[in-house]
PDB file of N, CA and C in Angstrom:
ATOM      1  N   MET A   1     100.795  89.738  67.578  1.00  0.00           N
ATOM      2  CA  MET A   1     100.414  90.603  68.666  1.00  0.00           C
ATOM      3  C   MET A   1     101.433  90.505  69.803  1.00  0.00           C
ATOM      4  N   LEU A   2     101.880  89.279  70.074  1.00  0.00           N
ATOM      5  CA  LEU A   2     102.874  89.094  71.124  1.00  0.00           C
ATOM      6  C   LEU A   2     104.167  89.825  70.785  1.00  0.00           C
ATOM      7  N   ILE A   3     104.581  89.782  69.541  1.00  0.00           N
ATOM      8  CA  ILE A   3     105.805  90.476  69.119  1.00  0.00           C
ATOM      9  C   ILE A   3     105.646  91.981  69.310  1.00  0.00           C
ATOM     10  N   ALA A   4     104.467  92.513  68.962  1.00  0.00           N
ATOM     11  CA  ALA A   4     104.228  93.947  69.146  1.00  0.00           C
ATOM     12  C   ALA A   4     104.301  94.326  70.616  1.00  0.00           C
ATOM     13  N   LEU A   5     103.715  93.511  71.486  1.00  0.00           N
ATOM     14  CA  LEU A   5     103.779  93.775  72.922  1.00  0.00           C
ATOM     15  C   LEU A   5     105.211  93.746  73.431  1.00  0.00           C
ATOM     16  N   LEU A   6     105.987  92.778  72.966  1.00  0.00           N
ATOM     17  CA  LEU A   6     107.383  92.687  73.389  1.00  0.00           C
ATOM     18  C   LEU A   6     108.180  93.898  72.922  1.00  0.00           C
ATOM     19  N   CYS A   7     107.907  94.351  71.709  1.00  0.00           N
ATOM     20  CA  CYS A   7     108.608  95.532  71.196  1.00  0.00           C
ATOM     21  C   CYS A   7     108.248  96.776  72.008  1.00  0.00           C
ATOM     22  N   LEU A   8     106.969  96.924  72.331  1.00  0.00           N
ATOM     23  CA  LEU A   8     106.543  98.090  73.104  1.00  0.00           C
ATOM     24  C   LEU A   8     107.112  98.072  74.514  1.00  0.00           C
ATOM     25  N   THR A   9     107.159  96.893  75.124  1.00  0.00           N
ATOM     26  CA  THR A   9     107.638  96.830  76.502  1.00  0.00           C
ATOM     27  C   THR A   9     109.159  96.900  76.588  1.00  0.00           C
ATOM     28  N   SER A  10     109.855  96.661  75.494  1.00  0.00           N
ATOM     29  CA  SER A  10     111.309  96.698  75.538  1.00  0.00           C
ATOM     30  C   SER A  10     111.862  98.081  75.190  1.00  0.00           C
ATOM     31  N   ARG A  11     110.990  99.012  74.827  1.00  0.00           N
ATOM     32  CA  ARG A  11     111.447 100.358  74.509  1.00  0.00           C
ATOM     33  C   ARG A  11     111.878 101.065  75.785  1.00  0.00           C
ATOM     34  N   PRO A  12     112.908 101.898  75.703  1.00  0.00           N
ATOM     35  CA  PRO A  12     113.328 102.626  76.901  1.00  0.00           C
ATOM     36  C   PRO A  12     112.233 103.584  77.376  1.00  0.00           C
ATOM     37  N   ALA A  13     112.096 103.692  78.677  1.00  0.00           N
ATOM     38  CA  ALA A  13     111.069 104.559  79.249  1.00  0.00           C
ATOM     39  C   ALA A  13     111.424 106.016  79.032  1.00  0.00           C
ATOM     40  N   ARG A  14     110.413 106.803  78.668  1.00  0.00           N
ATOM     41  CA  ARG A  14     110.581 108.246  78.539  1.00  0.00           C
ATOM     42  C   ARG A  14     109.862 108.905  79.702  1.00  0.00           C
ATOM     43  N   ALA A  15     109.856 110.206  79.688  1.00  0.00           N
ATOM     44  CA  ALA A  15     109.132 110.925  80.737  1.00  0.00           C
ATOM     45  C   ALA A  15     107.677 110.460  80.756  1.00  0.00           C
ATOM     46  N   ASP A  16     107.071 110.539  81.893  1.00  0.00           N
ATOM     47  CA  ASP A  16     105.705 110.052  82.066  1.00  0.00           C
ATOM     48  C   ASP A  16     104.713 111.027  81.435  1.00  0.00           C
ATOM     49  N   ASP A  17     104.552 110.923  80.120  1.00  0.00           N
ATOM     50  CA  ASP A  17     103.585 111.782  79.447  1.00  0.00           C
ATOM     51  C   ASP A  17     102.280 111.019  79.223  1.00  0.00           C
ATOM     52  N   TRP A  18     101.211 111.746  78.940  1.00  0.00           N
ATOM     53  CA  TRP A  18      99.887 111.135  78.807  1.00  0.00           C
ATOM     54  C   TRP A  18      99.777 110.176  77.639  1.00  0.00           C
ATOM     55  N   LEU A  19     100.599 110.342  76.611  1.00  0.00           N
ATOM     56  CA  LEU A  19     100.502 109.503  75.421  1.00  0.00           C
ATOM     57  C   LEU A  19     101.734 108.622  75.212  1.00  0.00           C
ATOM     58  N   GLY A  20     102.447 108.313  76.286  1.00  0.00           N
ATOM     59  CA  GLY A  20     103.614 107.446  76.196  1.00  0.00           C
ATOM     60  C   GLY A  20     103.240 106.048  75.728  1.00  0.00           C
ATOM     61  N   ALA A  21     104.207 105.327  75.190  1.00  0.00           N
ATOM     62  CA  ALA A  21     103.962 103.983  74.650  1.00  0.00           C
ATOM     63  C   ALA A  21     103.405 103.033  75.705  1.00  0.00           C
ATOM     64  N   ASP A  22     103.773 103.222  76.951  1.00  0.00           N
ATOM     65  CA  ASP A  22     103.266 102.326  78.001  1.00  0.00           C
ATOM     66  C   ASP A  22     101.787 102.541  78.289  1.00  0.00           C
ATOM     67  N   LYS A  23     101.254 103.690  77.924  1.00  0.00           N
ATOM     68  CA  LYS A  23      99.842 103.962  78.217  1.00  0.00           C
ATOM     69  C   LYS A  23      98.929 103.036  77.423  1.00  0.00           C
ATOM     70  N   ALA A  24      99.294 102.697  76.207  1.00  0.00           N
ATOM     71  CA  ALA A  24      98.501 101.751  75.409  1.00  0.00           C
ATOM     72  C   ALA A  24      98.495 100.378  76.070  1.00  0.00           C
ATOM     73  N   LEU A  25      99.601  99.994  76.658  1.00  0.00           N
ATOM     74  CA  LEU A  25      99.655  98.712  77.358  1.00  0.00           C
ATOM     75  C   LEU A  25      98.760  98.727  78.589  1.00  0.00           C
ATOM     76  N   HIS A  26      98.804  99.812  79.348  1.00  0.00           N
ATOM     77  CA  HIS A  26      97.937  99.924  80.522  1.00  0.00           C
ATOM     78  C   HIS A  26      96.475  99.832  80.105  1.00  0.00           C
ATOM     79  N   PHE A  27      96.109 100.573  79.067  1.00  0.00           N
ATOM     80  CA  PHE A  27      94.729 100.566  78.583  1.00  0.00           C
ATOM     81  C   PHE A  27      94.333  99.174  78.094  1.00  0.00           C
ATOM     82  N   GLY A  28      95.174  98.559  77.279  1.00  0.00           N
ATOM     83  CA  GLY A  28      94.861  97.263  76.684  1.00  0.00           C
ATOM     84  C   GLY A  28      94.725  96.146  77.698  1.00  0.00           C
ATOM     85  N   TYR A  29      95.666  96.065  78.618  1.00  0.00           N
ATOM     86  CA  TYR A  29      95.588  95.013  79.630  1.00  0.00           C
ATOM     87  C   TYR A  29      94.355  95.194  80.516  1.00  0.00           C
ATOM     88  N   SER A  30      94.081  96.424  80.912  1.00  0.00           N
ATOM     89  CA  SER A  30      92.920  96.670  81.769  1.00  0.00           C
ATOM     90  C   SER A  30      91.620  96.410  81.019  1.00  0.00           C
ATOM     91  N   ALA A  31      91.579  96.751  79.736  1.00  0.00           N
ATOM     92  CA  ALA A  31      90.390  96.465  78.928  1.00  0.00           C
ATOM     93  C   ALA A  31      90.168  94.954  78.831  1.00  0.00           C
ATOM     94  N   ALA A  32      91.243  94.212  78.645  1.00  0.00           N
ATOM     95  CA  ALA A  32      91.118  92.753  78.548  1.00  0.00           C
ATOM     96  C   ALA A  32      90.629  92.157  79.864  1.00  0.00           C
ATOM     97  N   PHE A  33      91.175  92.617  80.989  1.00  0.00           N
ATOM     98  CA  PHE A  33      90.731  92.117  82.291  1.00  0.00           C
ATOM     99  C   PHE A  33      89.281  92.516  82.560  1.00  0.00           C
ATOM    100  N   GLY A  34      88.920  93.748  82.236  1.00  0.00           N
ATOM    101  CA  GLY A  34      87.548  94.206  82.442  1.00  0.00           C
ATOM    102  C   GLY A  34      86.554  93.431  81.593  1.00  0.00           C
ATOM    103  N   ALA A  35      86.920  93.168  80.342  1.00  0.00           N
ATOM    104  CA  ALA A  35      86.044  92.402  79.453  1.00  0.00           C
ATOM    105  C   ALA A  35      85.901  90.968  79.936  1.00  0.00           C
ATOM    106  N   ALA A  36      87.009  90.355  80.308  1.00  0.00           N
ATOM    107  CA  ALA A  36      86.968  88.964  80.774  1.00  0.00           C
ATOM    108  C   ALA A  36      86.124  88.840  82.043  1.00  0.00           C
ATOM    109  N   ALA A  37      86.287  89.768  82.955  1.00  0.00           N
ATOM    110  CA  ALA A  37      85.520  89.709  84.202  1.00  0.00           C
ATOM    111  C   ALA A  37      84.036  89.920  83.933  1.00  0.00           C
ATOM    112  N   THR A  38      83.702  90.855  83.075  1.00  0.00           N
ATOM    113  CA  THR A  38      82.302  91.124  82.767  1.00  0.00           C
ATOM    114  C   THR A  38      81.674  89.948  82.027  1.00  0.00           C
ATOM    115  N   THR A  39      82.440  89.259  81.214  1.00  0.00           N
ATOM    116  CA  THR A  39      81.948  88.080  80.502  1.00  0.00           C
ATOM    117  C   THR A  39      81.643  86.953  81.475  1.00  0.00           C
ATOM    118  N   THR A  40      82.463  86.797  82.489  1.00  0.00           N
ATOM    119  CA  THR A  40      82.335  85.690  83.428  1.00  0.00           C
ATOM    120  C   THR A  40      81.224  85.915  84.450  1.00  0.00           C
ATOM    121  N   ILE A  41      81.017  87.123  84.877  1.00  0.00           N
ATOM    122  CA  ILE A  41      80.076  87.416  85.959  1.00  0.00           C
ATOM    123  C   ILE A  41      78.647  86.962  85.663  1.00  0.00           C
ATOM    124  N   PRO A  42      78.082  87.173  84.450  1.00  0.00           N
ATOM    125  CA  PRO A  42      76.703  86.717  84.228  1.00  0.00           C
ATOM    126  C   PRO A  42      76.531  85.207  84.355  1.00  0.00           C
ATOM    127  N   LEU A  43      77.612  84.449  84.188  1.00  0.00           N
ATOM    128  CA  LEU A  43      77.513  83.007  84.347  1.00  0.00           C
ATOM    129  C   LEU A  43      77.137  82.644  85.781  1.00  0.00           C
ATOM    130  N   VAL A  44      77.495  83.491  86.715  1.00  0.00           N
ATOM    131  CA  VAL A  44      77.196  83.258  88.119  1.00  0.00           C
ATOM    132  C   VAL A  44      75.852  83.879  88.496  1.00  0.00           C
ATOM    133  N   GLY A  45      75.574  85.081  88.002  1.00  0.00           N
ATOM    134  CA  GLY A  45      74.390  85.809  88.433  1.00  0.00           C
ATOM    135  C   GLY A  45      73.162  85.628  87.570  1.00  0.00           C
ATOM    136  N   GLY A  46      73.236  84.959  86.464  1.00  0.00           N
ATOM    137  CA  GLY A  46      72.076  84.781  85.599  1.00  0.00           C
ATOM    138  C   GLY A  46      72.322  85.404  84.233  1.00  0.00           C
ATOM    139  N   PRO A  47      71.438  85.141  83.295  1.00  0.00           N
ATOM    140  CA  PRO A  47      71.645  85.633  81.928  1.00  0.00           C
ATOM    141  C   PRO A  47      71.363  87.129  81.813  1.00  0.00           C
ATOM    142  N   GLY A  48      71.949  87.714  80.807  1.00  0.00           N
ATOM    143  CA  GLY A  48      71.660  89.101  80.487  1.00  0.00           C
ATOM    144  C   GLY A  48      72.552  90.098  81.186  1.00  0.00           C
ATOM    145  N   PRO A  49      72.569  91.321  80.667  1.00  0.00           N
ATOM    146  CA  PRO A  49      73.407  92.376  81.243  1.00  0.00           C
ATOM    147  C   PRO A  49      72.775  92.951  82.511  1.00  0.00           C
ATOM    148  N   ASP A  50      73.598  93.447  83.350  1.00  0.00           N
ATOM    149  CA  ASP A  50      73.155  94.041  84.610  1.00  0.00           C
ATOM    150  C   ASP A  50      74.191  95.099  84.958  1.00  0.00           C
ATOM    151  N   TRP A  51      73.791  96.219  85.528  1.00  0.00           N
ATOM    152  CA  TRP A  51      74.749  97.255  85.880  1.00  0.00           C
ATOM    153  C   TRP A  51      75.779  96.727  86.869  1.00  0.00           C
ATOM    154  N   ARG A  52      75.383  95.735  87.688  1.00  0.00           N
ATOM    155  CA  ARG A  52      76.325  95.174  88.667  1.00  0.00           C
ATOM    156  C   ARG A  52      77.436  94.395  87.977  1.00  0.00           C
ATOM    157  N   SER A  53      77.120  93.700  86.878  1.00  0.00           N
ATOM    158  CA  SER A  53      78.166  92.969  86.156  1.00  0.00           C
ATOM    159  C   SER A  53      79.141  93.945  85.516  1.00  0.00           C
ATOM    160  N   PHE A  54      78.615  95.073  85.005  1.00  0.00           N
ATOM    161  CA  PHE A  54      79.488  96.105  84.445  1.00  0.00           C
ATOM    162  C   PHE A  54      80.400  96.686  85.525  1.00  0.00           C
ATOM    163  N   ALA A  55      79.818  97.073  86.664  1.00  0.00           N
ATOM    164  CA  ALA A  55      80.595  97.695  87.743  1.00  0.00           C
ATOM    165  C   ALA A  55      81.645  96.743  88.300  1.00  0.00           C
ATOM    166  N   LEU A  56      81.244  95.500  88.526  1.00  0.00           N
ATOM    167  CA  LEU A  56      82.191  94.528  89.066  1.00  0.00           C
ATOM    168  C   LEU A  56      83.271  94.185  88.048  1.00  0.00           C
ATOM    169  N   GLY A  57      82.882  94.051  86.782  1.00  0.00           N
ATOM    170  CA  GLY A  57      83.867  93.767  85.731  1.00  0.00           C
ATOM    171  C   GLY A  57      84.882  94.886  85.584  1.00  0.00           C
ATOM    172  N   ALA A  58      84.409  96.136  85.613  1.00  0.00           N
ATOM    173  CA  ALA A  58      85.330  97.274  85.522  1.00  0.00           C
ATOM    174  C   ALA A  58      86.239  97.331  86.746  1.00  0.00           C
ATOM    175  N   GLY A  59      85.684  97.055  87.909  1.00  0.00           N
ATOM    176  CA  GLY A  59      86.500  97.048  89.128  1.00  0.00           C
ATOM    177  C   GLY A  59      87.572  95.987  89.100  1.00  0.00           C
ATOM    178  N   ILE A  60      87.193  94.797  88.663  1.00  0.00           N
ATOM    179  CA  ILE A  60      88.173  93.712  88.556  1.00  0.00           C
ATOM    180  C   ILE A  60      89.211  94.054  87.489  1.00  0.00           C
ATOM    181  N   GLY A  61      88.771  94.696  86.410  1.00  0.00           N
ATOM    182  CA  GLY A  61      89.699  95.099  85.355  1.00  0.00           C
ATOM    183  C   GLY A  61      90.739  96.098  85.830  1.00  0.00           C
ATOM    184  N   LEU A  62      90.395  96.871  86.840  1.00  0.00           N
ATOM    185  CA  LEU A  62      91.316  97.875  87.371  1.00  0.00           C
ATOM    186  C   LEU A  62      92.320  97.294  88.369  1.00  0.00           C
ATOM    187  N   LEU A  63      92.014  96.143  88.942  1.00  0.00           N
ATOM    188  CA  LEU A  63      92.876  95.564  89.988  1.00  0.00           C
ATOM    189  C   LEU A  63      94.335  95.340  89.557  1.00  0.00           C
ATOM    190  N   PRO A  64      94.615  94.784  88.365  1.00  0.00           N
ATOM    191  CA  PRO A  64      96.029  94.611  87.992  1.00  0.00           C
ATOM    192  C   PRO A  64      96.784  95.936  87.925  1.00  0.00           C
ATOM    193  N   GLY A  65      96.125  96.992  87.442  1.00  0.00           N
ATOM    194  CA  GLY A  65      96.772  98.305  87.384  1.00  0.00           C
ATOM    195  C   GLY A  65      97.060  98.855  88.770  1.00  0.00           C
ATOM    196  N   ILE A  66      96.105  98.695  89.676  1.00  0.00           N
ATOM    197  CA  ILE A  66      96.316  99.140  91.057  1.00  0.00           C
ATOM    198  C   ILE A  66      97.462  98.358  91.688  1.00  0.00           C
ATOM    199  N   ALA A  67      97.489  97.054  91.440  1.00  0.00           N
ATOM    200  CA  ALA A  67      98.573  96.223  91.985  1.00  0.00           C
ATOM    201  C   ALA A  67      99.922  96.661  91.433  1.00  0.00           C
ATOM    202  N   LYS A  68      99.973  96.957  90.138  1.00  0.00           N
ATOM    203  CA  LYS A  68     101.239  97.359  89.516  1.00  0.00           C
ATOM    204  C   LYS A  68     101.717  98.695  90.070  1.00  0.00           C
ATOM    205  N   GLU A  69     100.811  99.651  90.203  1.00  0.00           N
ATOM    206  CA  GLU A  69     101.215 100.958  90.721  1.00  0.00           C
ATOM    207  C   GLU A  69     101.590 100.875  92.197  1.00  0.00           C
ATOM    208  N   THR A  70     100.938 100.005  92.941  1.00  0.00           N
ATOM    209  CA  THR A  70     101.316  99.780  94.344  1.00  0.00           C
ATOM    210  C   THR A  70     102.715  99.181  94.417  1.00  0.00           C
ATOM    211  N   TRP A  71     102.987  98.223  93.549  1.00  0.00           N
ATOM    212  CA  TRP A  71     104.326  97.631  93.461  1.00  0.00           C
ATOM    213  C   TRP A  71     105.360  98.714  93.165  1.00  0.00           C
ATOM    214  N   ASP A  72     105.035  99.602  92.210  1.00  0.00           N
ATOM    215  CA  ASP A  72     105.949 100.693  91.865  1.00  0.00           C
ATOM    216  C   ASP A  72     106.194 101.625  93.053  1.00  0.00           C
ATOM    217  N   LEU A  73     105.175 101.821  93.889  1.00  0.00           N
ATOM    218  CA  LEU A  73     105.317 102.692  95.057  1.00  0.00           C
ATOM    219  C   LEU A  73     106.319 102.153  96.071  1.00  0.00           C
ATOM    220  N   THR A  74     106.598 100.849  96.021  1.00  0.00           N
ATOM    221  CA  THR A  74     107.546 100.268  96.971  1.00  0.00           C
ATOM    222  C   THR A  74     108.996 100.514  96.556  1.00  0.00           C
ATOM    223  N   GLY A  75     109.193 101.266  95.473  1.00  0.00           N
ATOM    224  CA  GLY A  75     110.543 101.576  95.019  1.00  0.00           C
ATOM    225  C   GLY A  75     111.030 100.671  93.910  1.00  0.00           C
ATOM    226  N   ARG A  76     110.181  99.781  93.414  1.00  0.00           N
ATOM    227  CA  ARG A  76     110.579  98.842  92.364  1.00  0.00           C
ATOM    228  C   ARG A  76     110.221  99.332  90.970  1.00  0.00           C
ATOM    229  N   GLY A  77     109.701 100.536  90.896  1.00  0.00           N
ATOM    230  CA  GLY A  77     109.308 101.098  89.598  1.00  0.00           C
ATOM    231  C   GLY A  77     108.983 102.567  89.745  1.00  0.00           C
ATOM    232  N   ASP A  78     108.335 103.104  88.727  1.00  0.00           N
ATOM    233  CA  ASP A  78     107.961 104.514  88.731  1.00  0.00           C
ATOM    234  C   ASP A  78     106.441 104.629  88.795  1.00  0.00           C
ATOM    235  N   PRO A  79     105.882 104.879  89.982  1.00  0.00           N
ATOM    236  CA  PRO A  79     104.429 104.988  90.093  1.00  0.00           C
ATOM    237  C   PRO A  79     103.913 106.182  89.293  1.00  0.00           C
ATOM    238  N   SER A  80     102.718 106.014  88.735  1.00  0.00           N
ATOM    239  CA  SER A  80     102.180 107.068  87.880  1.00  0.00           C
ATOM    240  C   SER A  80     100.661 107.118  87.967  1.00  0.00           C
ATOM    241  N   TRP A  81     100.141 108.310  88.285  1.00  0.00           N
ATOM    242  CA  TRP A  81      98.691 108.509  88.265  1.00  0.00           C
ATOM    243  C   TRP A  81      98.180 108.461  86.833  1.00  0.00           C
ATOM    244  N   LYS A  82      99.026 108.829  85.881  1.00  0.00           N
ATOM    245  CA  LYS A  82      98.623 108.775  84.472  1.00  0.00           C
ATOM    246  C   LYS A  82      98.427 107.328  84.040  1.00  0.00           C
ATOM    247  N   ASP A  83      99.323 106.446  84.473  1.00  0.00           N
ATOM    248  CA  ASP A  83      99.149 105.022  84.175  1.00  0.00           C
ATOM    249  C   ASP A  83      97.832 104.519  84.750  1.00  0.00           C
ATOM    250  N   LEU A  84      97.548 104.909  85.980  1.00  0.00           N
ATOM    251  CA  LEU A  84      96.319 104.470  86.638  1.00  0.00           C
ATOM    252  C   LEU A  84      95.078 105.020  85.927  1.00  0.00           C
ATOM    253  N   ALA A  85      95.171 106.233  85.410  1.00  0.00           N
ATOM    254  CA  ALA A  85      94.043 106.801  84.654  1.00  0.00           C
ATOM    255  C   ALA A  85      93.791 105.988  83.381  1.00  0.00           C
ATOM    256  N   TRP A  86      94.859 105.583  82.692  1.00  0.00           N
ATOM    257  CA  TRP A  86      94.702 104.746  81.496  1.00  0.00           C
ATOM    258  C   TRP A  86      94.179 103.362  81.871  1.00  0.00           C
ATOM    259  N   ASP A  87      94.599 102.845  83.020  1.00  0.00           N
ATOM    260  CA  ASP A  87      94.057 101.565  83.511  1.00  0.00           C
ATOM    261  C   ASP A  87      92.545 101.684  83.713  1.00  0.00           C
ATOM    262  N   ALA A  88      92.110 102.764  84.349  1.00  0.00           N
ATOM    263  CA  ALA A  88      90.681 102.961  84.617  1.00  0.00           C
ATOM    264  C   ALA A  88      89.903 103.074  83.308  1.00  0.00           C
ATOM    265  N   GLY A  89      90.436 103.839  82.365  1.00  0.00           N
ATOM    266  CA  GLY A  89      89.768 103.967  81.075  1.00  0.00           C
ATOM    267  C   GLY A  89      89.647 102.639  80.354  1.00  0.00           C
ATOM    268  N   GLY A  90      90.706 101.860  80.375  1.00  0.00           N
ATOM    269  CA  GLY A  90      90.682 100.552  79.722  1.00  0.00           C
ATOM    270  C   GLY A  90      89.694  99.604  80.379  1.00  0.00           C
ATOM    271  N   ALA A  91      89.673  99.586  81.704  1.00  0.00           N
ATOM    272  CA  ALA A  91      88.750  98.710  82.425  1.00  0.00           C
ATOM    273  C   ALA A  91      87.306  99.079  82.112  1.00  0.00           C
ATOM    274  N   LEU A  92      87.010 100.368  82.068  1.00  0.00           N
ATOM    275  CA  LEU A  92      85.652 100.820  81.754  1.00  0.00           C
ATOM    276  C   LEU A  92      85.261 100.475  80.318  1.00  0.00           C
ATOM    277  N   VAL A  93      86.172 100.680  79.382  1.00  0.00           N
ATOM    278  CA  VAL A  93      85.868 100.373  77.976  1.00  0.00           C
ATOM    279  C   VAL A  93      85.691  98.871  77.780  1.00  0.00           C
ATOM    280  N   GLY A  94      86.579  98.068  78.331  1.00  0.00           N
ATOM    281  CA  GLY A  94      86.465  96.613  78.197  1.00  0.00           C
ATOM    282  C   GLY A  94      85.165  96.085  78.769  1.00  0.00           C
ATOM    283  N   ALA A  95      84.842  96.516  79.987  1.00  0.00           N
ATOM    284  CA  ALA A  95      83.594  96.086  80.620  1.00  0.00           C
ATOM    285  C   ALA A  95      82.390  96.622  79.853  1.00  0.00           C
ATOM    286  N   GLY A  96      82.483  97.856  79.375  1.00  0.00           N
ATOM    287  CA  GLY A  96      81.381  98.467  78.646  1.00  0.00           C
ATOM    288  C   GLY A  96      81.076  97.786  77.326  1.00  0.00           C
ATOM    289  N   ILE A  97      82.116  97.384  76.613  1.00  0.00           N
ATOM    290  CA  ILE A  97      81.899  96.693  75.338  1.00  0.00           C
ATOM    291  C   ILE A  97      81.182  95.370  75.568  1.00  0.00           C
ATOM    292  N   VAL A  98      81.647  94.598  76.530  1.00  0.00           N
ATOM    293  CA  VAL A  98      81.009  93.305  76.809  1.00  0.00           C
ATOM    294  C   VAL A  98      79.576  93.517  77.282  1.00  0.00           C
ATOM    295  N   TRP A  99      79.375  94.482  78.162  1.00  0.00           N
ATOM    296  CA  TRP A  99      78.041  94.758  78.676  1.00  0.00           C
ATOM    297  C   TRP A  99      77.105  95.156  77.535  1.00  0.00           C
ATOM    298  N   ALA A 100      77.576  95.998  76.618  1.00  0.00           N
ATOM    299  CA  ALA A 100      76.752  96.435  75.484  1.00  0.00           C
ATOM    300  C   ALA A 100      76.415  95.264  74.561  1.00  0.00           C
ATOM    301  N   VAL A 101      77.381  94.403  74.299  1.00  0.00           N
ATOM    302  CA  VAL A 101      77.121  93.228  73.457  1.00  0.00           C
ATOM    303  C   VAL A 101      76.093  92.325  74.134  1.00  0.00           C
ATOM    304  N   GLN A 102      76.229  92.137  75.425  1.00  0.00           N
ATOM    305  CA  GLN A 102      75.252  91.322  76.157  1.00  0.00           C
ATOM    306  C   GLN A 102      73.858  91.950  76.069  1.00  0.00           C
ATOM    307  N   ALA A 103      73.774  93.260  76.199  1.00  0.00           N
ATOM    308  CA  ALA A 103      72.485  93.946  76.146  1.00  0.00           C
ATOM    309  C   ALA A 103      71.850  93.805  74.762  1.00  0.00           C
ATOM    310  N   LEU A 104      72.672  93.824  73.717  1.00  0.00           N
ATOM    311  CA  LEU A 104      72.144  93.726  72.356  1.00  0.00           C
ATOM    312  C   LEU A 104      71.801  92.311  71.949  1.00  0.00           C
ATOM    313  N   THR A 105      72.394  91.331  72.586  1.00  0.00           N
ATOM    314  CA  THR A 105      72.201  89.938  72.156  1.00  0.00           C
ATOM    315  C   THR A 105      71.351  89.094  73.100  1.00  0.00           C
ATOM    316  N   THR A 106      70.966  89.633  74.239  1.00  0.00           N
ATOM    317  CA  THR A 106      70.144  88.879  75.190  1.00  0.00           C
ATOM    318  C   THR A 106      68.669  89.153  74.898  1.00  0.00           C
ATOM    319  N   PRO A 107      67.863  88.135  74.743  1.00  0.00           N
ATOM    320  CA  PRO A 107      66.433  88.348  74.516  1.00  0.00           C
ATOM    321  C   PRO A 107      65.799  89.147  75.659  1.00  0.00           C
ATOM    322  N   ALA A 108      64.812  89.948  75.345  1.00  0.00           N
ATOM    323  CA  ALA A 108      64.189  90.839  76.331  1.00  0.00           C
ATOM    324  C   ALA A 108      63.620  90.074  77.523  1.00  0.00           C
ATOM    325  N   HIS A 109      63.090  88.878  77.324  1.00  0.00           N
ATOM    326  CA  HIS A 109      62.513  88.118  78.432  1.00  0.00           C
ATOM    327  C   HIS A 109      63.549  87.568  79.400  1.00  0.00           C
ATOM    328  N   ALA A 110      64.847  87.586  79.026  1.00  0.00           N
ATOM    329  CA  ALA A 110      65.899  87.069  79.904  1.00  0.00           C
ATOM    330  C   ALA A 110      66.402  88.112  80.884  1.00  0.00           C
ATOM    331  N   HIS A 111      66.037  89.381  80.700  1.00  0.00           N
ATOM    332  CA  HIS A 111      66.523  90.460  81.573  1.00  0.00           C
ATOM    333  C   HIS A 111      65.881  90.369  82.918  1.00  0.00           C
TER     334      HIS A 111
END
């Protein structure tokens, strides 16, 4: 997986299209951050899924993408609303998958 990521990130940048190779990276990283945040939040707030854990996990999942695009806005890269859209989609999917698994695996009395 690491080799695949290195190959994708070492490819020359093309025009900012919706399906560019970098979009999968934006989606994947944001999904991983969103899933990790959603997994961690119930440990603090109690067992079981909660819409707040989903919302906070998705928000935290989006933070690296926002930081990266802000960095790009300073002239150190190419800022892209398309990248940010893929970040948002990834954060929502990552948080949503974890939230759904929690909802399916938590006993009803723990909600």
